[in-house]
Amino acid sequence: MVKTDFVILENDSKVTFALKPHEGTGILFTEQPLEELETYRIKVRAQSYSVQSAVLQYQTTFMIHISISAYPY
């Protein structure tokens, strides 16, 4: 069995995002409004550990880009 932790390494300078763990995944959210015609960038690291030995199994770094359109699609 594996446990995964998520950490924001770099947050966008315009809006503060946070992560909430949920059943082995991370939910990215903010309580601030997102502006139209804006792009937000967040760097997140996921580290997965063995539950039995607490040894790091693997890690991945994600660059998340959120682009807000002026038009509803």
PDB file of N, CA and C in Angstrom:
ATOM      1  N   MET A   1       0.841  -1.175   0.000  1.00  0.00           N
ATOM      2  CA  MET A   1       0.000   0.000   0.000  1.00  0.00           C
ATOM      3  C   MET A   1       0.893   1.248   0.000  1.00  0.00           C
ATOM      4  N   VAL A   2       0.418   2.285  -0.708  1.00  0.00           N
ATOM      5  CA  VAL A   2       1.203   3.504  -0.885  1.00  0.00           C
ATOM      6  C   VAL A   2       0.400   4.706  -0.399  1.00  0.00           C
ATOM      7  N   LYS A   3       1.103   5.641   0.255  1.00  0.00           N
ATOM      8  CA  LYS A   3       0.501   6.907   0.685  1.00  0.00           C
ATOM      9  C   LYS A   3       1.184   8.026  -0.100  1.00  0.00           C
ATOM     10  N   THR A   4       0.392   8.950  -0.659  1.00  0.00           N
ATOM     11  CA  THR A   4       0.946  10.041  -1.456  1.00  0.00           C
ATOM     12  C   THR A   4       0.686  11.382  -0.786  1.00  0.00           C
ATOM     13  N   ASP A   5       1.753  12.179  -0.661  1.00  0.00           N
ATOM     14  CA  ASP A   5       1.669  13.535  -0.121  1.00  0.00           C
ATOM     15  C   ASP A   5       1.905  14.522  -1.262  1.00  0.00           C
ATOM     16  N   PHE A   6       1.161  15.626  -1.232  1.00  0.00           N
ATOM     17  CA  PHE A   6       1.288  16.672  -2.241  1.00  0.00           C
ATOM     18  C   PHE A   6       1.734  17.967  -1.561  1.00  0.00           C
ATOM     19  N   VAL A   7       2.677  18.681  -2.218  1.00  0.00           N
ATOM     20  CA  VAL A   7       3.194  19.939  -1.689  1.00  0.00           C
ATOM     21  C   VAL A   7       3.279  20.947  -2.834  1.00  0.00           C
ATOM     22  N   ILE A   8       2.817  22.164  -2.590  1.00  0.00           N
ATOM     23  CA  ILE A   8       2.977  23.233  -3.577  1.00  0.00           C
ATOM     24  C   ILE A   8       4.385  23.804  -3.418  1.00  0.00           C
ATOM     25  N   LEU A   9       5.170  23.711  -4.469  1.00  0.00           N
ATOM     26  CA  LEU A   9       6.540  24.223  -4.443  1.00  0.00           C
ATOM     27  C   LEU A   9       6.600  25.691  -4.851  1.00  0.00           C
ATOM     28  N   GLU A  10       5.800  26.057  -5.848  1.00  0.00           N
ATOM     29  CA  GLU A  10       5.741  27.444  -6.306  1.00  0.00           C
ATOM     30  C   GLU A  10       4.284  27.800  -6.543  1.00  0.00           C
ATOM     31  N   ASN A  11       3.813  28.838  -5.859  1.00  0.00           N
ATOM     32  CA  ASN A  11       2.435  29.283  -6.010  1.00  0.00           C
ATOM     33  C   ASN A  11       2.400  30.477  -6.951  1.00  0.00           C
ATOM     34  N   ASP A  12       1.286  30.676  -7.609  1.00  0.00           N
ATOM     35  CA  ASP A  12       1.136  31.825  -8.497  1.00  0.00           C
ATOM     36  C   ASP A  12       1.208  33.113  -7.679  1.00  0.00           C
ATOM     37  N   SER A  13       1.797  34.145  -8.248  1.00  0.00           N
ATOM     38  CA  SER A  13       1.949  35.401  -7.512  1.00  0.00           C
ATOM     39  C   SER A  13       0.649  36.204  -7.438  1.00  0.00           C
ATOM     40  N   LYS A  14      -0.315  35.919  -8.326  1.00  0.00           N
ATOM     41  CA  LYS A  14      -1.556  36.693  -8.363  1.00  0.00           C
ATOM     42  C   LYS A  14      -2.649  36.126  -7.462  1.00  0.00           C
ATOM     43  N   VAL A  15      -2.689  34.797  -7.315  1.00  0.00           N
ATOM     44  CA  VAL A  15      -3.719  34.126  -6.519  1.00  0.00           C
ATOM     45  C   VAL A  15      -3.059  33.006  -5.731  1.00  0.00           C
ATOM     46  N   THR A  16      -3.432  32.853  -4.471  1.00  0.00           N
ATOM     47  CA  THR A  16      -2.880  31.790  -3.643  1.00  0.00           C
ATOM     48  C   THR A  16      -3.745  30.549  -3.765  1.00  0.00           C
ATOM     49  N   PHE A  17      -3.139  29.464  -4.227  1.00  0.00           N
ATOM     50  CA  PHE A  17      -3.809  28.175  -4.333  1.00  0.00           C
ATOM     51  C   PHE A  17      -3.398  27.300  -3.158  1.00  0.00           C
ATOM     52  N   ALA A  18      -4.224  26.317  -2.834  1.00  0.00           N
ATOM     53  CA  ALA A  18      -3.925  25.356  -1.776  1.00  0.00           C
ATOM     54  C   ALA A  18      -4.287  23.962  -2.281  1.00  0.00           C
ATOM     55  N   LEU A  19      -3.783  22.949  -1.586  1.00  0.00           N
ATOM     56  CA  LEU A  19      -4.062  21.562  -1.921  1.00  0.00           C
ATOM     57  C   LEU A  19      -4.780  20.876  -0.773  1.00  0.00           C
ATOM     58  N   LYS A  20      -5.769  20.061  -1.128  1.00  0.00           N
ATOM     59  CA  LYS A  20      -6.484  19.269  -0.136  1.00  0.00           C
ATOM     60  C   LYS A  20      -6.359  17.808  -0.548  1.00  0.00           C
ATOM     61  N   PRO A  21      -5.819  16.950   0.333  1.00  0.00           N
ATOM     62  CA  PRO A  21      -5.722  15.531  -0.024  1.00  0.00           C
ATOM     63  C   PRO A  21      -7.108  14.885  -0.031  1.00  0.00           C
ATOM     64  N   HIS A  22      -7.314  13.975  -1.001  1.00  0.00           N
ATOM     65  CA  HIS A  22      -8.591  13.279  -1.101  1.00  0.00           C
ATOM     66  C   HIS A  22      -8.375  11.914  -1.743  1.00  0.00           C
ATOM     67  N   GLU A  23      -8.434  10.874  -0.952  1.00  0.00           N
ATOM     68  CA  GLU A  23      -8.358   9.486  -1.428  1.00  0.00           C
ATOM     69  C   GLU A  23      -7.184   9.246  -2.378  1.00  0.00           C
ATOM     70  N   GLY A  24      -5.999   9.655  -1.979  1.00  0.00           N
ATOM     71  CA  GLY A  24      -4.803   9.422  -2.773  1.00  0.00           C
ATOM     72  C   GLY A  24      -4.556  10.430  -3.879  1.00  0.00           C
ATOM     73  N   THR A  25      -5.416  11.438  -3.983  1.00  0.00           N
ATOM     74  CA  THR A  25      -5.221  12.489  -4.975  1.00  0.00           C
ATOM     75  C   THR A  25      -5.126  13.831  -4.258  1.00  0.00           C
ATOM     76  N   GLY A  26      -4.763  14.855  -4.980  1.00  0.00           N
ATOM     77  CA  GLY A  26      -4.722  16.205  -4.430  1.00  0.00           C
ATOM     78  C   GLY A  26      -5.695  17.097  -5.178  1.00  0.00           C
ATOM     79  N   ILE A  27      -6.524  17.815  -4.453  1.00  0.00           N
ATOM     80  CA  ILE A  27      -7.475  18.740  -5.064  1.00  0.00           C
ATOM     81  C   ILE A  27      -6.928  20.151  -4.909  1.00  0.00           C
ATOM     82  N   LEU A  28      -6.681  20.807  -6.028  1.00  0.00           N
ATOM     83  CA  LEU A  28      -6.156  22.171  -6.044  1.00  0.00           C
ATOM     84  C   LEU A  28      -7.332  23.137  -5.993  1.00  0.00           C
ATOM     85  N   PHE A  29      -7.254  24.126  -5.086  1.00  0.00           N
ATOM     86  CA  PHE A  29      -8.354  25.078  -4.966  1.00  0.00           C
ATOM     87  C   PHE A  29      -7.857  26.432  -4.511  1.00  0.00           C
ATOM     88  N   THR A  30      -8.720  27.433  -4.666  1.00  0.00           N
ATOM     89  CA  THR A  30      -8.478  28.770  -4.139  1.00  0.00           C
ATOM     90  C   THR A  30      -9.819  29.348  -3.714  1.00  0.00           C
ATOM     91  N   GLU A  31      -9.783  30.224  -2.753  1.00  0.00           N
ATOM     92  CA  GLU A  31     -11.005  30.902  -2.317  1.00  0.00           C
ATOM     93  C   GLU A  31     -11.093  32.309  -2.910  1.00  0.00           C
ATOM     94  N   GLN A  32     -10.129  32.645  -3.752  1.00  0.00           N
ATOM     95  CA  GLN A  32     -10.108  33.940  -4.405  1.00  0.00           C
ATOM     96  C   GLN A  32     -10.717  33.824  -5.804  1.00  0.00           C
ATOM     97  N   PRO A  33     -11.330  34.882  -6.318  1.00  0.00           N
ATOM     98  CA  PRO A  33     -11.881  34.817  -7.674  1.00  0.00           C
ATOM     99  C   PRO A  33     -10.754  34.766  -8.713  1.00  0.00           C
ATOM    100  N   LEU A  34     -10.989  34.030  -9.785  1.00  0.00           N
ATOM    101  CA  LEU A  34     -10.032  33.961 -10.887  1.00  0.00           C
ATOM    102  C   LEU A  34     -10.479  34.938 -11.969  1.00  0.00           C
ATOM    103  N   GLU A  35      -9.539  35.712 -12.468  1.00  0.00           N
ATOM    104  CA  GLU A  35      -9.842  36.762 -13.439  1.00  0.00           C
ATOM    105  C   GLU A  35      -9.899  36.200 -14.863  1.00  0.00           C
ATOM    106  N   GLU A  36     -10.794  36.772 -15.675  1.00  0.00           N
ATOM    107  CA  GLU A  36     -10.846  36.410 -17.085  1.00  0.00           C
ATOM    108  C   GLU A  36      -9.552  36.816 -17.778  1.00  0.00           C
ATOM    109  N   LEU A  37      -9.247  36.093 -18.840  1.00  0.00           N
ATOM    110  CA  LEU A  37      -8.053  36.359 -19.661  1.00  0.00           C
ATOM    111  C   LEU A  37      -6.768  36.313 -18.841  1.00  0.00           C
ATOM    112  N   GLU A  38      -6.704  35.420 -17.912  1.00  0.00           N
ATOM    113  CA  GLU A  38      -5.528  35.291 -17.049  1.00  0.00           C
ATOM    114  C   GLU A  38      -5.072  33.839 -17.047  1.00  0.00           C
ATOM    115  N   THR A  39      -3.769  33.642 -16.901  1.00  0.00           N
ATOM    116  CA  THR A  39      -3.199  32.308 -16.777  1.00  0.00           C
ATOM    117  C   THR A  39      -2.487  32.223 -15.435  1.00  0.00           C
ATOM    118  N   TYR A  40      -2.721  31.131 -14.714  1.00  0.00           N
ATOM    119  CA  TYR A  40      -2.122  30.910 -13.402  1.00  0.00           C
ATOM    120  C   TYR A  40      -1.218  29.683 -13.493  1.00  0.00           C
ATOM    121  N   ARG A  41      -0.078  29.747 -12.795  1.00  0.00           N
ATOM    122  CA  ARG A  41       0.891  28.649 -12.833  1.00  0.00           C
ATOM    123  C   ARG A  41       1.220  28.211 -11.404  1.00  0.00           C
ATOM    124  N   ILE A  42       1.165  26.897 -11.188  1.00  0.00           N
ATOM    125  CA  ILE A  42       1.449  26.326  -9.882  1.00  0.00           C
ATOM    126  C   ILE A  42       2.349  25.106 -10.085  1.00  0.00           C
ATOM    127  N   LYS A  43       3.370  24.984  -9.255  1.00  0.00           N
ATOM    128  CA  LYS A  43       4.277  23.833  -9.309  1.00  0.00           C
ATOM    129  C   LYS A  43       4.010  22.968  -8.080  1.00  0.00           C
ATOM    130  N   VAL A  44       3.675  21.702  -8.307  1.00  0.00           N
ATOM    131  CA  VAL A  44       3.293  20.777  -7.231  1.00  0.00           C
ATOM    132  C   VAL A  44       4.176  19.541  -7.292  1.00  0.00           C
ATOM    133  N   ARG A  45       4.598  19.055  -6.119  1.00  0.00           N
ATOM    134  CA  ARG A  45       5.349  17.800  -6.041  1.00  0.00           C
ATOM    135  C   ARG A  45       4.504  16.756  -5.320  1.00  0.00           C
ATOM    136  N   ALA A  46       4.438  15.569  -5.916  1.00  0.00           N
ATOM    137  CA  ALA A  46       3.768  14.427  -5.294  1.00  0.00           C
ATOM    138  C   ALA A  46       4.842  13.420  -4.901  1.00  0.00           C
ATOM    139  N   GLN A  47       4.812  12.980  -3.639  1.00  0.00           N
ATOM    140  CA  GLN A  47       5.749  11.975  -3.161  1.00  0.00           C
ATOM    141  C   GLN A  47       4.948  10.812  -2.592  1.00  0.00           C
ATOM    142  N   SER A  48       5.257   9.611  -3.101  1.00  0.00           N
ATOM    143  CA  SER A  48       4.538   8.416  -2.664  1.00  0.00           C
ATOM    144  C   SER A  48       5.454   7.531  -1.842  1.00  0.00           C
ATOM    145  N   TYR A  49       4.929   7.126  -0.679  1.00  0.00           N
ATOM    146  CA  TYR A  49       5.684   6.329   0.284  1.00  0.00           C
ATOM    147  C   TYR A  49       5.006   4.991   0.510  1.00  0.00           C
ATOM    148  N   SER A  50       5.813   3.984   0.796  1.00  0.00           N
ATOM    149  CA  SER A  50       5.285   2.702   1.231  1.00  0.00           C
ATOM    150  C   SER A  50       4.737   2.869   2.641  1.00  0.00           C
ATOM    151  N   VAL A  51       3.504   2.428   2.873  1.00  0.00           N
ATOM    152  CA  VAL A  51       2.891   2.558   4.196  1.00  0.00           C
ATOM    153  C   VAL A  51       3.627   1.687   5.220  1.00  0.00           C
ATOM    154  N   GLN A  52       4.076   0.509   4.800  1.00  0.00           N
ATOM    155  CA  GLN A  52       4.743  -0.408   5.722  1.00  0.00           C
ATOM    156  C   GLN A  52       6.131   0.085   6.150  1.00  0.00           C
ATOM    157  N   SER A  53       6.927   0.572   5.199  1.00  0.00           N
ATOM    158  CA  SER A  53       8.320   0.913   5.517  1.00  0.00           C
ATOM    159  C   SER A  53       8.603   2.412   5.525  1.00  0.00           C
ATOM    160  N   ALA A  54       7.667   3.242   5.085  1.00  0.00           N
ATOM    161  CA  ALA A  54       7.833   4.702   4.994  1.00  0.00           C
ATOM    162  C   ALA A  54       8.990   5.087   4.076  1.00  0.00           C
ATOM    163  N   VAL A  55       9.333   4.206   3.135  1.00  0.00           N
ATOM    164  CA  VAL A  55      10.392   4.468   2.163  1.00  0.00           C
ATOM    165  C   VAL A  55       9.768   5.147   0.941  1.00  0.00           C
ATOM    166  N   LEU A  56      10.450   6.192   0.462  1.00  0.00           N
ATOM    167  CA  LEU A  56       9.979   6.897  -0.725  1.00  0.00           C
ATOM    168  C   LEU A  56       9.996   5.951  -1.915  1.00  0.00           C
ATOM    169  N   GLN A  57       8.840   5.763  -2.546  1.00  0.00           N
ATOM    170  CA  GLN A  57       8.717   4.891  -3.718  1.00  0.00           C
ATOM    171  C   GLN A  57       8.996   5.671  -5.005  1.00  0.00           C
ATOM    172  N   TYR A  58       8.369   6.836  -5.126  1.00  0.00           N
ATOM    173  CA  TYR A  58       8.587   7.673  -6.296  1.00  0.00           C
ATOM    174  C   TYR A  58       8.071   9.077  -6.021  1.00  0.00           C
ATOM    175  N   GLN A  59       8.527  10.007  -6.844  1.00  0.00           N
ATOM    176  CA  GLN A  59       8.035  11.386  -6.737  1.00  0.00           C
ATOM    177  C   GLN A  59       7.906  11.973  -8.133  1.00  0.00           C
ATOM    178  N   THR A  60       6.957  12.881  -8.273  1.00  0.00           N
ATOM    179  CA  THR A  60       6.685  13.538  -9.545  1.00  0.00           C
ATOM    180  C   THR A  60       6.459  15.019  -9.277  1.00  0.00           C
ATOM    181  N   THR A  61       6.973  15.860 -10.161  1.00  0.00           N
ATOM    182  CA  THR A  61       6.734  17.292 -10.061  1.00  0.00           C
ATOM    183  C   THR A  61       5.849  17.707 -11.241  1.00  0.00           C
ATOM    184  N   PHE A  62       4.749  18.380 -10.919  1.00  0.00           N
ATOM    185  CA  PHE A  62       3.784  18.816 -11.920  1.00  0.00           C
ATOM    186  C   PHE A  62       3.843  20.324 -12.076  1.00  0.00           C
ATOM    187  N   MET A  63       3.779  20.789 -13.319  1.00  0.00           N
ATOM    188  CA  MET A  63       3.569  22.202 -13.604  1.00  0.00           C
ATOM    189  C   MET A  63       2.117  22.322 -14.040  1.00  0.00           C
ATOM    190  N   ILE A  64       1.309  22.988 -13.254  1.00  0.00           N
ATOM    191  CA  ILE A  64      -0.115  23.124 -13.548  1.00  0.00           C
ATOM    192  C   ILE A  64      -0.369  24.521 -14.097  1.00  0.00           C
ATOM    193  N   HIS A  65      -1.017  24.577 -15.263  1.00  0.00           N
ATOM    194  CA  HIS A  65      -1.370  25.850 -15.890  1.00  0.00           C
ATOM    195  C   HIS A  65      -2.889  25.926 -15.940  1.00  0.00           C
ATOM    196  N   ILE A  66      -3.447  27.001 -15.405  1.00  0.00           N
ATOM    197  CA  ILE A  66      -4.888  27.227 -15.432  1.00  0.00           C
ATOM    198  C   ILE A  66      -5.126  28.491 -16.241  1.00  0.00           C
ATOM    199  N   SER A  67      -5.852  28.342 -17.338  1.00  0.00           N
ATOM    200  CA  SER A  67      -6.124  29.469 -18.220  1.00  0.00           C
ATOM    201  C   SER A  67      -7.614  29.781 -18.174  1.00  0.00           C
ATOM    202  N   ILE A  68      -7.953  31.020 -17.851  1.00  0.00           N
ATOM    203  CA  ILE A  68      -9.350  31.457 -17.741  1.00  0.00           C
ATOM    204  C   ILE A  68      -9.725  32.206 -19.015  1.00  0.00           C
ATOM    205  N   SER A  69     -10.731  31.718 -19.679  1.00  0.00           N
ATOM    206  CA  SER A  69     -11.185  32.307 -20.934  1.00  0.00           C
ATOM    207  C   SER A  69     -12.173  33.440 -20.676  1.00  0.00           C
ATOM    208  N   ALA A  70     -12.277  34.328 -21.631  1.00  0.00           N
ATOM    209  CA  ALA A  70     -13.269  35.412 -21.541  1.00  0.00           C
ATOM    210  C   ALA A  70     -14.633  34.922 -21.983  1.00  0.00           C
ATOM    211  N   TYR A  71     -14.676  33.742 -22.621  1.00  0.00           N
ATOM    212  CA  TYR A  71     -15.925  33.232 -23.173  1.00  0.00           C
ATOM    213  C   TYR A  71     -16.263  31.872 -22.567  1.00  0.00           C
ATOM    214  N   PRO A  72     -17.533  31.609 -22.291  1.00  0.00           N
ATOM    215  CA  PRO A  72     -17.918  30.274 -21.803  1.00  0.00           C
ATOM    216  C   PRO A  72     -17.885  29.271 -22.959  1.00  0.00           C
ATOM    217  N   TYR A  73     -17.263  28.136 -22.732  1.00  0.00           N
ATOM    218  CA  TYR A  73     -17.193  27.100 -23.787  1.00  0.00           C
ATOM    219  C   TYR A  73     -18.028  25.925 -23.362  1.00  0.00           C
TER     220      TYR A  73
END
